[in-house]
C-alpha atoms as a PDB file:
ATOM      1  CA  MET A   1      26.308 -17.154  11.064  1.00  0.00           C
ATOM      2  CA  TYR A   2      23.987 -14.819   9.096  1.00  0.00           C
ATOM      3  CA  LYS A   3      20.314 -15.013   9.957  1.00  0.00           C
ATOM      4  CA  GLU A   4      19.344 -17.045   6.790  1.00  0.00           C
ATOM      5  CA  GLN A   5      22.588 -18.855   6.383  1.00  0.00           C
ATOM      6  CA  ALA A   6      23.433 -22.275   7.792  1.00  0.00           C
ATOM      7  CA  SER A   7      26.202 -22.386  10.328  1.00  0.00           C
ATOM      8  CA  ILE A   8      29.726 -22.615   8.884  1.00  0.00           C
ATOM      9  CA  THR A   9      30.940 -23.812  12.299  1.00  0.00           C
ATOM     10  CA  ALA A  10      28.493 -26.725  12.111  1.00  0.00           C
ATOM     11  CA  LYS A  11      29.786 -27.655   8.764  1.00  0.00           C
ATOM     12  CA  GLY A  12      33.333 -27.481  10.066  1.00  0.00           C
ATOM     13  CA  ILE A  13      32.633 -30.066  12.762  1.00  0.00           C
ATOM     14  CA  THR A  14      30.766 -32.162  10.264  1.00  0.00           C
ATOM     15  CA  LEU A  15      33.899 -32.042   8.061  1.00  0.00           C
ATOM     16  CA  ILE A  16      35.842 -33.493  10.973  1.00  0.00           C
ATOM     17  CA  ARG A  17      33.411 -36.332  11.422  1.00  0.00           C
ATOM     18  CA  ALA A  18      33.583 -37.028   7.515  1.00  0.00           C
ATOM     19  CA  LEU A  19      37.379 -37.026   7.532  1.00  0.00           C
ATOM     20  CA  GLU A  20      37.679 -39.369  10.453  1.00  0.00           C
ATOM     21  CA  SER A  21      35.071 -41.630   9.024  1.00  0.00           C
ATOM     22  CA  ALA A  22      37.065 -41.799   5.732  1.00  0.00           C
ATOM     23  CA  ARG A  23      40.133 -43.279   7.543  1.00  0.00           C
ATOM     24  CA  PRO A  24      40.818 -46.955   7.369  1.00  0.00           C
ATOM     25  CA  LEU A  25      38.776 -49.165   9.626  1.00  0.00           C
ATOM     26  CA  GLU A  26      41.744 -50.036  11.878  1.00  0.00           C
ATOM     27  CA  GLU A  27      42.699 -46.330  12.391  1.00  0.00           C
ATOM     28  CA  ARG A  28      39.458 -44.404  12.819  1.00  0.00           C
ATOM     29  CA  ILE A  29      38.002 -44.076  16.272  1.00  0.00           C
ATOM     30  CA  PHE A  30      34.309 -43.582  15.162  1.00  0.00           C
ATOM     31  CA  PHE A  31      32.224 -43.846  12.050  1.00  0.00           C
ATOM     32  CA  ASP A  32      29.547 -41.469  10.910  1.00  0.00           C
ATOM     33  CA  PRO A  33      28.227 -42.584   7.378  1.00  0.00           C
ATOM     34  CA  TYR A  34      26.084 -39.470   7.080  1.00  0.00           C
ATOM     35  CA  ALA A  35      28.721 -36.681   7.790  1.00  0.00           C
ATOM     36  CA  ARG A  36      29.990 -36.674   4.140  1.00  0.00           C
ATOM     37  CA  LYS A  37      26.356 -36.557   2.785  1.00  0.00           C
ATOM     38  CA  PHE A  38      25.677 -33.403   4.876  1.00  0.00           C
ATOM     39  CA  LEU A  39      28.417 -31.497   3.227  1.00  0.00           C
ATOM     40  CA  PRO A  40      28.634 -29.730  -0.227  1.00  0.00           C
ATOM     41  CA  ASN A  41      31.183 -31.470  -2.339  1.00  0.00           C
ATOM     42  CA  TRP A  42      33.473 -28.363  -2.788  1.00  0.00           C
ATOM     43  CA  PHE A  43      33.529 -27.947   1.030  1.00  0.00           C
ATOM     44  CA  TYR A  44      34.649 -31.609   1.715  1.00  0.00           C
ATOM     45  CA  ARG A  45      37.263 -31.521  -1.172  1.00  0.00           C
ATOM     46  CA  LEU A  46      38.721 -28.207   0.222  1.00  0.00           C
ATOM     47  CA  GLY A  47      38.795 -29.816   3.724  1.00  0.00           C
ATOM     48  CA  VAL A  48      40.671 -32.868   2.374  1.00  0.00           C
ATOM     49  CA  LEU A  49      43.235 -30.591   0.555  1.00  0.00           C
ATOM     50  CA  ILE A  50      43.813 -28.289   3.609  1.00  0.00           C
ATOM     51  CA  THR A  51      44.259 -31.244   5.913  1.00  0.00           C
ATOM     52  CA  LYS A  52      46.714 -33.095   3.621  1.00  0.00           C
ATOM     53  CA  THR A  53      49.005 -29.927   3.584  1.00  0.00           C
ATOM     54  CA  GLY A  54      49.291 -30.036   7.361  1.00  0.00           C
ATOM     55  CA  TYR A  55      47.916 -26.450   7.662  1.00  0.00           C
ATOM     56  CA  THR A  56      45.282 -27.398  10.162  1.00  0.00           C
ATOM     57  CA  GLU A  57      47.793 -28.890  12.512  1.00  0.00           C
ATOM     58  CA  LEU A  58      50.196 -26.049  12.031  1.00  0.00           C
ATOM     59  CA  ARG A  59      47.541 -23.551  12.862  1.00  0.00           C
ATOM     60  CA  ALA A  60      45.924 -25.440  15.728  1.00  0.00           C
ATOM     61  CA  PRO A  61      48.039 -28.345  17.018  1.00  0.00           C
ATOM     62  CA  GLY A  62      45.968 -31.192  18.435  1.00  0.00           C
ATOM     63  CA  VAL A  63      42.613 -29.645  17.662  1.00  0.00           C
ATOM     64  CA  MET A  64      41.776 -32.235  15.033  1.00  0.00           C
ATOM     65  CA  GLY A  65      42.508 -35.092  17.353  1.00  0.00           C
ATOM     66  CA  PHE A  66      40.526 -33.465  20.206  1.00  0.00           C
ATOM     67  CA  LEU A  67      37.360 -32.904  18.046  1.00  0.00           C
ATOM     68  CA  ALA A  68      37.509 -36.609  16.969  1.00  0.00           C
ATOM     69  CA  ALA A  69      38.051 -37.955  20.505  1.00  0.00           C
ATOM     70  CA  ARG A  70      35.163 -35.706  21.619  1.00  0.00           C
ATOM     71  CA  GLU A  71      32.920 -37.307  19.075  1.00  0.00           C
ATOM     72  CA  ARG A  72      33.967 -40.864  20.370  1.00  0.00           C
ATOM     73  CA  TYR A  73      33.506 -39.892  23.968  1.00  0.00           C
ATOM     74  CA  ILE A  74      29.890 -38.488  23.485  1.00  0.00           C
ATOM     75  CA  ASP A  75      29.040 -41.586  21.378  1.00  0.00           C
ATOM     76  CA  GLU A  76      30.120 -43.753  24.361  1.00  0.00           C
ATOM     77  CA  ILE A  77      28.031 -41.626  26.758  1.00  0.00           C
ATOM     78  CA  LEU A  78      25.005 -41.960  24.518  1.00  0.00           C
ATOM     79  CA  GLN A  79      25.368 -45.769  24.198  1.00  0.00           C
ATOM     80  CA  THR A  80      25.867 -46.062  27.966  1.00  0.00           C
ATOM     81  CA  SER A  81      22.754 -43.995  28.573  1.00  0.00           C
ATOM     82  CA  LEU A  82      20.730 -46.093  26.098  1.00  0.00           C
ATOM     83  CA  ASP A  83      21.853 -49.184  27.884  1.00  0.00           C
ATOM     84  CA  GLU A  84      20.640 -47.551  31.209  1.00  0.00           C
ATOM     85  CA  GLY A  85      17.260 -46.923  29.733  1.00  0.00           C
ATOM     86  CA  ILE A  86      17.048 -43.186  28.753  1.00  0.00           C
ATOM     87  CA  GLU A  87      13.582 -42.248  27.457  1.00  0.00           C
ATOM     88  CA  GLN A  88      14.372 -38.922  25.886  1.00  0.00           C
ATOM     89  CA  LEU A  89      17.364 -37.316  24.078  1.00  0.00           C
ATOM     90  CA  VAL A  90      17.747 -33.626  23.507  1.00  0.00           C
ATOM     91  CA  ILE A  91      20.631 -32.504  21.290  1.00  0.00           C
ATOM     92  CA  LEU A  92      21.179 -28.792  21.795  1.00  0.00           C
ATOM     93  CA  GLY A  93      22.722 -26.890  18.829  1.00  0.00           C
ATOM     94  CA  ALA A  94      22.472 -30.101  16.802  1.00  0.00           C
ATOM     95  CA  GLY A  95      23.931 -28.778  13.646  1.00  0.00           C
ATOM     96  CA  TYR A  96      24.600 -31.789  11.385  1.00  0.00           C
ATOM     97  CA  ASP A  97      24.792 -34.293  14.122  1.00  0.00           C
ATOM     98  CA  GLY A  98      24.069 -37.755  12.818  1.00  0.00           C
ATOM     99  CA  ARG A  99      23.471 -39.705  15.997  1.00  0.00           C
ATOM    100  CA  ALA A 100      19.726 -39.790  15.691  1.00  0.00           C
ATOM    101  CA  TYR A 101      20.310 -41.778  12.471  1.00  0.00           C
ATOM    102  CA  ARG A 102      23.287 -44.034  13.160  1.00  0.00           C
ATOM    103  CA  PHE A 103      22.162 -45.282  16.637  1.00  0.00           C
ATOM    104  CA  ASP A 104      19.457 -47.838  15.978  1.00  0.00           C
ATOM    105  CA  ASP A 105      18.188 -47.742  19.524  1.00  0.00           C
ATOM    106  CA  LEU A 106      17.093 -44.151  18.950  1.00  0.00           C
ATOM    107  CA  LYS A 107      14.606 -45.063  16.198  1.00  0.00           C
ATOM    108  CA  SER A 108      12.002 -46.547  18.503  1.00  0.00           C
ATOM    109  CA  GLY A 109      11.196 -46.182  22.230  1.00  0.00           C
ATOM    110  CA  VAL A 110      13.206 -42.875  22.694  1.00  0.00           C
ATOM    111  CA  LYS A 111      11.821 -39.391  22.101  1.00  0.00           C
ATOM    112  CA  VAL A 112      14.556 -37.527  20.155  1.00  0.00           C
ATOM    113  CA  PHE A 113      14.721 -33.719  19.759  1.00  0.00           C
ATOM    114  CA  GLU A 114      17.257 -31.841  17.748  1.00  0.00           C
ATOM    115  CA  VAL A 115      17.322 -28.272  18.675  1.00  0.00           C
ATOM    116  CA  ASP A 116      18.995 -25.668  16.371  1.00  0.00           C
ATOM    117  CA  HIS A 117      18.852 -22.270  14.682  1.00  0.00           C
ATOM    118  CA  PRO A 118      16.118 -22.215  11.928  1.00  0.00           C
ATOM    119  CA  ALA A 119      18.661 -21.393   9.052  1.00  0.00           C
ATOM    120  CA  THR A 120      20.922 -24.431   9.896  1.00  0.00           C
ATOM    121  CA  GLN A 121      17.946 -26.712  10.604  1.00  0.00           C
ATOM    122  CA  ARG A 122      16.286 -25.881   7.280  1.00  0.00           C
ATOM    123  CA  ASP A 123      19.508 -26.889   5.386  1.00  0.00           C
ATOM    124  CA  LYS A 124      19.777 -30.108   7.412  1.00  0.00           C
ATOM    125  CA  LEU A 125      16.272 -31.136   6.724  1.00  0.00           C
ATOM    126  CA  ARG A 126      16.834 -30.466   3.021  1.00  0.00           C
ATOM    127  CA  ARG A 127      19.835 -32.726   3.080  1.00  0.00           C
ATOM    128  CA  LEU A 128      18.008 -35.469   5.037  1.00  0.00           C
ATOM    129  CA  VAL A 129      15.388 -35.668   2.393  1.00  0.00           C
ATOM    130  CA  LYS A 130      18.130 -36.308  -0.145  1.00  0.00           C
ATOM    131  CA  ILE A 131      19.619 -38.998   2.057  1.00  0.00           C
ATOM    132  CA  PHE A 132      16.537 -40.780   3.203  1.00  0.00           C
ATOM    133  CA  GLY A 133      13.907 -39.717   0.607  1.00  0.00           C
ATOM    134  CA  GLN A 134      11.931 -37.978   3.504  1.00  0.00           C
ATOM    135  CA  ILE A 135      12.421 -36.333   6.776  1.00  0.00           C
ATOM    136  CA  PRO A 136      12.869 -39.061   9.446  1.00  0.00           C
ATOM    137  CA  GLU A 137       9.753 -39.360  11.535  1.00  0.00           C
ATOM    138  CA  HIS A 138      11.403 -40.536  14.785  1.00  0.00           C
ATOM    139  CA  VAL A 139      13.185 -37.085  15.309  1.00  0.00           C
ATOM    140  CA  ILE A 140      11.380 -33.930  16.532  1.00  0.00           C
ATOM    141  CA  TYR A 141      13.041 -30.859  14.949  1.00  0.00           C
ATOM    142  CA  VAL A 142      12.908 -27.853  17.255  1.00  0.00           C
ATOM    143  CA  SER A 143      13.727 -24.708  15.488  1.00  0.00           C
ATOM    144  CA  VAL A 144      14.800 -21.882  17.919  1.00  0.00           C
ATOM    145  CA  ASP A 145      15.982 -18.340  17.245  1.00  0.00           C
ATOM    146  CA  PHE A 146      17.570 -17.595  20.608  1.00  0.00           C
ATOM    147  CA  ASN A 147      17.473 -13.889  19.987  1.00  0.00           C
ATOM    148  CA  THR A 148      13.649 -13.805  19.924  1.00  0.00           C
ATOM    149  CA  GLN A 149      12.439 -17.266  21.224  1.00  0.00           C
ATOM    150  CA  SER A 150      12.650 -19.260  24.513  1.00  0.00           C
ATOM    151  CA  LEU A 151      14.289 -22.687  24.488  1.00  0.00           C
ATOM    152  CA  ASP A 152      12.038 -24.103  27.212  1.00  0.00           C
ATOM    153  CA  GLN A 153       8.844 -22.811  25.590  1.00  0.00           C
ATOM    154  CA  LYS A 154       9.734 -24.281  22.170  1.00  0.00           C
ATOM    155  CA  LEU A 155      10.646 -27.618  23.672  1.00  0.00           C
ATOM    156  CA  PHE A 156       7.449 -27.853  25.491  1.00  0.00           C
ATOM    157  CA  GLU A 157       5.436 -26.930  22.399  1.00  0.00           C
ATOM    158  CA  CYS A 158       7.143 -29.758  20.595  1.00  0.00           C
ATOM    159  CA  GLY A 159       6.241 -32.377  23.132  1.00  0.00           C
ATOM    160  CA  PHE A 160       9.205 -32.445  25.529  1.00  0.00           C
ATOM    161  CA  ASP A 161       8.193 -34.362  28.717  1.00  0.00           C
ATOM    162  CA  PRO A 162      10.064 -33.230  31.960  1.00  0.00           C
ATOM    163  CA  SER A 163       9.152 -36.429  33.728  1.00  0.00           C
ATOM    164  CA  LEU A 164      11.259 -38.709  31.429  1.00  0.00           C
ATOM    165  CA  LYS A 165      14.817 -39.822  31.951  1.00  0.00           C
ATOM    166  CA  THR A 166      16.684 -37.660  29.622  1.00  0.00           C
ATOM    167  CA  LEU A 167      20.204 -37.240  28.102  1.00  0.00           C
ATOM    168  CA  TYR A 168      21.244 -33.797  26.848  1.00  0.00           C
ATOM    169  CA  ILE A 169      24.012 -33.532  24.335  1.00  0.00           C
ATOM    170  CA  TRP A 170      25.412 -30.046  24.285  1.00  0.00           C
ATOM    171  CA  GLN A 171      28.563 -30.239  21.940  1.00  0.00           C
ATOM    172  CA  GLY A 172      30.504 -27.419  20.515  1.00  0.00           C
ATOM    173  CA  VAL A 173      28.201 -24.730  21.796  1.00  0.00           C
ATOM    174  CA  THR A 174      29.132 -23.328  25.336  1.00  0.00           C
ATOM    175  CA  TYR A 175      32.235 -21.447  24.168  1.00  0.00           C
ATOM    176  CA  TYR A 176      30.087 -19.314  21.858  1.00  0.00           C
ATOM    177  CA  LEU A 177      27.810 -18.159  24.643  1.00  0.00           C
ATOM    178  CA  THR A 178      28.110 -15.775  27.537  1.00  0.00           C
ATOM    179  CA  SER A 179      28.527 -17.370  30.971  1.00  0.00           C
ATOM    180  CA  GLU A 180      25.121 -16.098  31.964  1.00  0.00           C
ATOM    181  CA  ALA A 181      23.552 -17.947  28.990  1.00  0.00           C
ATOM    182  CA  VAL A 182      25.444 -21.179  29.918  1.00  0.00           C
ATOM    183  CA  ASP A 183      24.283 -20.858  33.548  1.00  0.00           C
ATOM    184  CA  LYS A 184      20.695 -20.289  32.563  1.00  0.00           C
ATOM    185  CA  THR A 185      20.613 -23.398  30.400  1.00  0.00           C
ATOM    186  CA  LEU A 186      22.216 -25.534  32.902  1.00  0.00           C
ATOM    187  CA  ARG A 187      19.857 -24.255  35.681  1.00  0.00           C
ATOM    188  CA  TRP A 188      16.868 -24.975  33.419  1.00  0.00           C
ATOM    189  CA  ILE A 189      17.964 -28.508  32.725  1.00  0.00           C
ATOM    190  CA  GLY A 190      18.648 -29.185  36.426  1.00  0.00           C
ATOM    191  CA  GLN A 191      15.182 -27.908  37.327  1.00  0.00           C
ATOM    192  CA  THR A 192      13.116 -29.465  34.536  1.00  0.00           C
ATOM    193  CA  SER A 193      14.551 -32.951  33.918  1.00  0.00           C
ATOM    194  CA  GLY A 194      13.258 -36.275  35.060  1.00  0.00           C
ATOM    195  CA  PRO A 195      15.100 -38.535  37.716  1.00  0.00           C
ATOM    196  CA  GLY A 196      18.366 -40.077  36.368  1.00  0.00           C
ATOM    197  CA  SER A 197      18.717 -37.502  33.596  1.00  0.00           C
ATOM    198  CA  LYS A 198      22.172 -36.454  32.428  1.00  0.00           C
ATOM    199  CA  ILE A 199      24.036 -33.865  30.332  1.00  0.00           C
ATOM    200  CA  VAL A 200      27.174 -34.286  28.460  1.00  0.00           C
ATOM    201  CA  PHE A 201      28.950 -30.995  27.167  1.00  0.00           C
ATOM    202  CA  ASP A 202      32.309 -29.579  26.426  1.00  0.00           C
ATOM    203  CA  TYR A 203      33.949 -26.281  27.291  1.00  0.00           C
ATOM    204  CA  ILE A 204      37.115 -24.432  27.159  1.00  0.00           C
ATOM    205  CA  ASP A 205      38.607 -22.903  30.277  1.00  0.00           C
ATOM    206  CA  SER A 206      38.873 -19.025  29.782  1.00  0.00           C
ATOM    207  CA  SER A 207      42.446 -19.139  30.806  1.00  0.00           C
END
């Protein structure tokens, strides 16, 4: 990703969400009504074409299914956490994640933070205005350039409360970071979160 360009990887994951959501009701394993709206038309149409040719499965067998299953799993973790009374949600590397808008329980009573690179977040905010007519007020957007800014500092500046029961979602990020950066983030979460807090994240074994 270039400094002023929204993440192509984030758009690719959103394409998976959009494709799965377009499947028939009896076949899809989750539904994200906003995924398609976050994507340029040409990007979505190209994704549909490539998928229909079978190229994606040929190049990376099972990956499409894994990404869809990951989405469903994290959705279930979020719903369980809401049922258990979380007070705060932090989505790290949020990209075009639509959970803050499709889970009604997040629209009141839970502090929601979306953390991402400034370029990707700017593009998302622009698209949110097109979808909703304004930037949703129940989400706190935390713009962080990890090359020059500190995650913890920016979160605290935006109202993060370390005493609250928090769920962290860290999806599709760890394998782009160094092991030191991953350890640092997990250590910070462990030392800074309220009782009963949880994190759900995915990773790929180096082997």
